[in-house]
Amino acid sequence: MGNIPIAAILFANGVSFAGVIAFIFSDLVVFPVVRINAKYYGWKMALYIVGVFLSALVITALLLH
């Protein structure tokens, strides 16, 4: 199914654009994706990527809101 239809429902029910974008991009920090990153880059770099994604997600959502 995916996050896009759910994000559309959230947006239609009054969730802000920033919240919808944060919801869509939160798929990049789920454990299976982190595990794949760790396989290719090592755990230290994978956790760094998660930290960068999370901080960018939160900062952008706050700026857009």
PDB file of N, CA and C in Angstrom:
ATOM      1  N   MET A   1       0.827  -1.193   0.000  1.00  0.00           N
ATOM      2  CA  MET A   1       0.000   0.000   0.000  1.00  0.00           C
ATOM      3  C   MET A   1       0.868   1.253   0.000  1.00  0.00           C
ATOM      4  N   GLY A   2       1.722   1.427   0.951  1.00  0.00           N
ATOM      5  CA  GLY A   2       2.627   2.572   0.937  1.00  0.00           C
ATOM      6  C   GLY A   2       2.149   3.722   1.788  1.00  0.00           C
ATOM      7  N   ASN A   3       3.038   4.656   1.959  1.00  0.00           N
ATOM      8  CA  ASN A   3       2.756   5.810   2.806  1.00  0.00           C
ATOM      9  C   ASN A   3       2.032   6.940   2.082  1.00  0.00           C
ATOM     10  N   ILE A   4       2.104   6.991   0.780  1.00  0.00           N
ATOM     11  CA  ILE A   4       1.524   8.128   0.048  1.00  0.00           C
ATOM     12  C   ILE A   4       0.011   8.201   0.205  1.00  0.00           C
ATOM     13  N   PRO A   5      -0.738   7.107   0.038  1.00  0.00           N
ATOM     14  CA  PRO A   5      -2.187   7.214   0.259  1.00  0.00           C
ATOM     15  C   PRO A   5      -2.540   7.601   1.692  1.00  0.00           C
ATOM     16  N   ILE A   6      -1.790   7.069   2.662  1.00  0.00           N
ATOM     17  CA  ILE A   6      -2.043   7.426   4.054  1.00  0.00           C
ATOM     18  C   ILE A   6      -1.711   8.895   4.286  1.00  0.00           C
ATOM     19  N   ALA A   7      -0.629   9.373   3.680  1.00  0.00           N
ATOM     20  CA  ALA A   7      -0.262  10.783   3.807  1.00  0.00           C
ATOM     21  C   ALA A   7      -1.340  11.676   3.199  1.00  0.00           C
ATOM     22  N   ALA A   8      -1.934  11.243   2.106  1.00  0.00           N
ATOM     23  CA  ALA A   8      -3.013  12.023   1.490  1.00  0.00           C
ATOM     24  C   ALA A   8      -4.224  12.104   2.422  1.00  0.00           C
ATOM     25  N   ILE A   9      -4.528  11.011   3.099  1.00  0.00           N
ATOM     26  CA  ILE A   9      -5.634  11.019   4.059  1.00  0.00           C
ATOM     27  C   ILE A   9      -5.325  11.942   5.229  1.00  0.00           C
ATOM     28  N   LEU A  10      -4.082  11.880   5.714  1.00  0.00           N
ATOM     29  CA  LEU A  10      -3.690  12.768   6.806  1.00  0.00           C
ATOM     30  C   LEU A  10      -3.823  14.237   6.404  1.00  0.00           C
ATOM     31  N   PHE A  11      -3.345  14.564   5.202  1.00  0.00           N
ATOM     32  CA  PHE A  11      -3.404  15.943   4.721  1.00  0.00           C
ATOM     33  C   PHE A  11      -4.846  16.398   4.557  1.00  0.00           C
ATOM     34  N   ALA A  12      -5.707  15.498   4.061  1.00  0.00           N
ATOM     35  CA  ALA A  12      -7.115  15.841   3.874  1.00  0.00           C
ATOM     36  C   ALA A  12      -7.827  16.058   5.214  1.00  0.00           C
ATOM     37  N   ASN A  13      -7.309  15.448   6.275  1.00  0.00           N
ATOM     38  CA  ASN A  13      -7.927  15.576   7.594  1.00  0.00           C
ATOM     39  C   ASN A  13      -7.265  16.630   8.465  1.00  0.00           C
ATOM     40  N   GLY A  14      -6.479  17.508   7.860  1.00  0.00           N
ATOM     41  CA  GLY A  14      -5.990  18.659   8.597  1.00  0.00           C
ATOM     42  C   GLY A  14      -4.564  18.611   9.101  1.00  0.00           C
ATOM     43  N   VAL A  15      -3.816  17.543   8.848  1.00  0.00           N
ATOM     44  CA  VAL A  15      -2.415  17.505   9.260  1.00  0.00           C
ATOM     45  C   VAL A  15      -1.642  18.461   8.364  1.00  0.00           C
ATOM     46  N   SER A  16      -0.706  19.194   8.946  1.00  0.00           N
ATOM     47  CA  SER A  16       0.037  20.196   8.181  1.00  0.00           C
ATOM     48  C   SER A  16       0.915  19.537   7.117  1.00  0.00           C
ATOM     49  N   PHE A  17       1.301  20.338   6.134  1.00  0.00           N
ATOM     50  CA  PHE A  17       2.172  19.857   5.063  1.00  0.00           C
ATOM     51  C   PHE A  17       3.483  19.327   5.628  1.00  0.00           C
ATOM     52  N   ALA A  18       4.037  20.014   6.626  1.00  0.00           N
ATOM     53  CA  ALA A  18       5.298  19.587   7.232  1.00  0.00           C
ATOM     54  C   ALA A  18       5.142  18.221   7.899  1.00  0.00           C
ATOM     55  N   GLY A  19       4.035  17.998   8.557  1.00  0.00           N
ATOM     56  CA  GLY A  19       3.790  16.701   9.178  1.00  0.00           C
ATOM     57  C   GLY A  19       3.657  15.588   8.160  1.00  0.00           C
ATOM     58  N   VAL A  20       3.013  15.882   7.046  1.00  0.00           N
ATOM     59  CA  VAL A  20       2.857  14.887   5.986  1.00  0.00           C
ATOM     60  C   VAL A  20       4.207  14.540   5.367  1.00  0.00           C
ATOM     61  N   ILE A  21       5.038  15.544   5.107  1.00  0.00           N
ATOM     62  CA  ILE A  21       6.364  15.295   4.535  1.00  0.00           C
ATOM     63  C   ILE A  21       7.216  14.498   5.514  1.00  0.00           C
ATOM     64  N   ALA A  22       7.160  14.832   6.797  1.00  0.00           N
ATOM     65  CA  ALA A  22       7.904  14.077   7.804  1.00  0.00           C
ATOM     66  C   ALA A  22       7.422  12.622   7.849  1.00  0.00           C
ATOM     67  N   PHE A  23       6.120  12.412   7.709  1.00  0.00           N
ATOM     68  CA  PHE A  23       5.569  11.058   7.699  1.00  0.00           C
ATOM     69  C   PHE A  23       6.081  10.273   6.499  1.00  0.00           C
ATOM     70  N   ILE A  24       6.131  10.890   5.339  1.00  0.00           N
ATOM     71  CA  ILE A  24       6.582  10.203   4.128  1.00  0.00           C
ATOM     72  C   ILE A  24       8.067   9.836   4.233  1.00  0.00           C
ATOM     73  N   PHE A  25       8.892  10.777   4.654  1.00  0.00           N
ATOM     74  CA  PHE A  25      10.327  10.532   4.699  1.00  0.00           C
ATOM     75  C   PHE A  25      10.764   9.712   5.904  1.00  0.00           C
ATOM     76  N   SER A  26       9.852   9.439   6.839  1.00  0.00           N
ATOM     77  CA  SER A  26      10.217   8.612   7.982  1.00  0.00           C
ATOM     78  C   SER A  26      10.494   7.174   7.567  1.00  0.00           C
ATOM     79  N   ASP A  27      10.091   6.782   6.363  1.00  0.00           N
ATOM     80  CA  ASP A  27      10.413   5.445   5.855  1.00  0.00           C
ATOM     81  C   ASP A  27      11.908   5.228   5.700  1.00  0.00           C
ATOM     82  N   LEU A  28      12.678   6.289   5.616  1.00  0.00           N
ATOM     83  CA  LEU A  28      14.117   6.150   5.421  1.00  0.00           C
ATOM     84  C   LEU A  28      14.861   5.763   6.689  1.00  0.00           C
ATOM     85  N   VAL A  29      14.211   5.790   7.828  1.00  0.00           N
ATOM     86  CA  VAL A  29      14.889   5.480   9.083  1.00  0.00           C
ATOM     87  C   VAL A  29      14.302   4.257   9.790  1.00  0.00           C
ATOM     88  N   VAL A  30      13.650   3.371   9.061  1.00  0.00           N
ATOM     89  CA  VAL A  30      13.150   2.136   9.660  1.00  0.00           C
ATOM     90  C   VAL A  30      14.295   1.128   9.763  1.00  0.00           C
ATOM     91  N   PHE A  31      14.173   0.164  10.672  1.00  0.00           N
ATOM     92  CA  PHE A  31      15.271  -0.746  10.964  1.00  0.00           C
ATOM     93  C   PHE A  31      15.764  -1.545   9.751  1.00  0.00           C
ATOM     94  N   PRO A  32      14.909  -2.091   8.866  1.00  0.00           N
ATOM     95  CA  PRO A  32      15.449  -2.829   7.715  1.00  0.00           C
ATOM     96  C   PRO A  32      16.349  -1.966   6.821  1.00  0.00           C
ATOM     97  N   VAL A  33      16.004  -0.704   6.645  1.00  0.00           N
ATOM     98  CA  VAL A  33      16.847   0.186   5.832  1.00  0.00           C
ATOM     99  C   VAL A  33      18.159   0.476   6.561  1.00  0.00           C
ATOM    100  N   VAL A  34      18.082   0.654   7.880  1.00  0.00           N
ATOM    101  CA  VAL A  34      19.294   0.882   8.665  1.00  0.00           C
ATOM    102  C   VAL A  34      20.201  -0.343   8.601  1.00  0.00           C
ATOM    103  N   ARG A  35      19.613  -1.526   8.664  1.00  0.00           N
ATOM    104  CA  ARG A  35      20.401  -2.763   8.571  1.00  0.00           C
ATOM    105  C   ARG A  35      21.088  -2.898   7.213  1.00  0.00           C
ATOM    106  N   ILE A  36      20.406  -2.518   6.146  1.00  0.00           N
ATOM    107  CA  ILE A  36      21.011  -2.559   4.814  1.00  0.00           C
ATOM    108  C   ILE A  36      22.161  -1.564   4.733  1.00  0.00           C
ATOM    109  N   ASN A  37      21.958  -0.360   5.271  1.00  0.00           N
ATOM    110  CA  ASN A  37      23.042   0.617   5.309  1.00  0.00           C
ATOM    111  C   ASN A  37      24.219   0.088   6.110  1.00  0.00           C
ATOM    112  N   ALA A  38      23.943  -0.586   7.227  1.00  0.00           N
ATOM    113  CA  ALA A  38      25.018  -1.140   8.057  1.00  0.00           C
ATOM    114  C   ALA A  38      25.780  -2.236   7.318  1.00  0.00           C
ATOM    115  N   LYS A  39      25.078  -2.985   6.496  1.00  0.00           N
ATOM    116  CA  LYS A  39      25.740  -4.044   5.733  1.00  0.00           C
ATOM    117  C   LYS A  39      26.749  -3.456   4.752  1.00  0.00           C
ATOM    118  N   TYR A  40      26.392  -2.350   4.123  1.00  0.00           N
ATOM    119  CA  TYR A  40      27.271  -1.755   3.119  1.00  0.00           C
ATOM    120  C   TYR A  40      28.300  -0.798   3.711  1.00  0.00           C
ATOM    121  N   TYR A  41      27.922  -0.050   4.740  1.00  0.00           N
ATOM    122  CA  TYR A  41      28.787   1.014   5.246  1.00  0.00           C
ATOM    123  C   TYR A  41      29.330   0.772   6.642  1.00  0.00           C
ATOM    124  N   GLY A  42      28.796  -0.214   7.360  1.00  0.00           N
ATOM    125  CA  GLY A  42      29.174  -0.434   8.751  1.00  0.00           C
ATOM    126  C   GLY A  42      28.194   0.268   9.672  1.00  0.00           C
ATOM    127  N   TRP A  43      28.128  -0.214  10.928  1.00  0.00           N
ATOM    128  CA  TRP A  43      27.138   0.314  11.857  1.00  0.00           C
ATOM    129  C   TRP A  43      27.386   1.759  12.237  1.00  0.00           C
ATOM    130  N   LYS A  44      28.631   2.143  12.347  1.00  0.00           N
ATOM    131  CA  LYS A  44      28.924   3.527  12.737  1.00  0.00           C
ATOM    132  C   LYS A  44      28.385   4.508  11.691  1.00  0.00           C
ATOM    133  N   MET A  45      28.639   4.229  10.433  1.00  0.00           N
ATOM    134  CA  MET A  45      28.158   5.101   9.360  1.00  0.00           C
ATOM    135  C   MET A  45      26.634   5.013   9.219  1.00  0.00           C
ATOM    136  N   ALA A  46      26.071   3.827   9.416  1.00  0.00           N
ATOM    137  CA  ALA A  46      24.617   3.671   9.326  1.00  0.00           C
ATOM    138  C   ALA A  46      23.922   4.508  10.395  1.00  0.00           C
ATOM    139  N   LEU A  47      24.449   4.500  11.595  1.00  0.00           N
ATOM    140  CA  LEU A  47      23.854   5.312  12.661  1.00  0.00           C
ATOM    141  C   LEU A  47      24.050   6.796  12.406  1.00  0.00           C
ATOM    142  N   TYR A  48      25.173   7.152  11.793  1.00  0.00           N
ATOM    143  CA  TYR A  48      25.390   8.546  11.402  1.00  0.00           C
ATOM    144  C   TYR A  48      24.348   8.977  10.365  1.00  0.00           C
ATOM    145  N   ILE A  49      24.081   8.116   9.386  1.00  0.00           N
ATOM    146  CA  ILE A  49      23.074   8.411   8.360  1.00  0.00           C
ATOM    147  C   ILE A  49      21.700   8.574   9.003  1.00  0.00           C
ATOM    148  N   VAL A  50      21.358   7.701   9.946  1.00  0.00           N
ATOM    149  CA  VAL A  50      20.081   7.808  10.649  1.00  0.00           C
ATOM    150  C   VAL A  50      20.006   9.139  11.391  1.00  0.00           C
ATOM    151  N   GLY A  51      21.090   9.515  12.054  1.00  0.00           N
ATOM    152  CA  GLY A  51      21.108  10.783  12.776  1.00  0.00           C
ATOM    153  C   GLY A  51      20.923  11.977  11.861  1.00  0.00           C
ATOM    154  N   VAL A  52      21.590  11.950  10.709  1.00  0.00           N
ATOM    155  CA  VAL A  52      21.449  13.044   9.749  1.00  0.00           C
ATOM    156  C   VAL A  52      20.031  13.096   9.199  1.00  0.00           C
ATOM    157  N   PHE A  53      19.470  11.938   8.835  1.00  0.00           N
ATOM    158  CA  PHE A  53      18.097  11.903   8.322  1.00  0.00           C
ATOM    159  C   PHE A  53      17.106  12.406   9.359  1.00  0.00           C
ATOM    160  N   LEU A  54      17.235  11.937  10.607  1.00  0.00           N
ATOM    161  CA  LEU A  54      16.291  12.352  11.645  1.00  0.00           C
ATOM    162  C   LEU A  54      16.392  13.844  11.944  1.00  0.00           C
ATOM    163  N   SER A  55      17.614  14.339  12.036  1.00  0.00           N
ATOM    164  CA  SER A  55      17.761  15.766  12.327  1.00  0.00           C
ATOM    165  C   SER A  55      17.258  16.611  11.157  1.00  0.00           C
ATOM    166  N   ALA A  56      17.551  16.213   9.927  1.00  0.00           N
ATOM    167  CA  ALA A  56      17.045  16.949   8.763  1.00  0.00           C
ATOM    168  C   ALA A  56      15.527  16.896   8.695  1.00  0.00           C
ATOM    169  N   LEU A  57      14.956  15.745   9.033  1.00  0.00           N
ATOM    170  CA  LEU A  57      13.509  15.585   9.018  1.00  0.00           C
ATOM    171  C   LEU A  57      12.845  16.499  10.038  1.00  0.00           C
ATOM    172  N   VAL A  58      13.373  16.521  11.247  1.00  0.00           N
ATOM    173  CA  VAL A  58      12.785  17.338  12.306  1.00  0.00           C
ATOM    174  C   VAL A  58      12.966  18.824  12.016  1.00  0.00           C
ATOM    175  N   ILE A  59      14.158  19.225  11.606  1.00  0.00           N
ATOM    176  CA  ILE A  59      14.420  20.648  11.321  1.00  0.00           C
ATOM    177  C   ILE A  59      13.564  21.141  10.160  1.00  0.00           C
ATOM    178  N   THR A  60      13.469  20.342   9.109  1.00  0.00           N
ATOM    179  CA  THR A  60      12.645  20.757   7.961  1.00  0.00           C
ATOM    180  C   THR A  60      11.173  20.838   8.329  1.00  0.00           C
ATOM    181  N   ALA A  61      10.694  19.867   9.112  1.00  0.00           N
ATOM    182  CA  ALA A  61       9.284  19.899   9.529  1.00  0.00           C
ATOM    183  C   ALA A  61       9.001  21.138  10.377  1.00  0.00           C
ATOM    184  N   LEU A  62       9.942  21.490  11.267  1.00  0.00           N
ATOM    185  CA  LEU A  62       9.750  22.684  12.086  1.00  0.00           C
ATOM    186  C   LEU A  62       9.785  23.963  11.250  1.00  0.00           C
ATOM    187  N   LEU A  63      10.678  24.011  10.282  1.00  0.00           N
ATOM    188  CA  LEU A  63      10.747  25.209   9.416  1.00  0.00           C
ATOM    189  C   LEU A  63       9.512  25.363   8.545  1.00  0.00           C
ATOM    190  N   LEU A  64       9.005  24.243   8.033  1.00  0.00           N
ATOM    191  CA  LEU A  64       7.823  24.312   7.179  1.00  0.00           C
ATOM    192  C   LEU A  64       6.565  24.617   7.976  1.00  0.00           C
ATOM    193  N   HIS A  65       6.546  24.185   9.207  1.00  0.00           N
ATOM    194  CA  HIS A  65       5.359  24.398  10.035  1.00  0.00           C
ATOM    195  C   HIS A  65       5.278  25.868  10.432  1.00  0.00           C
TER     196      HIS A  65
END
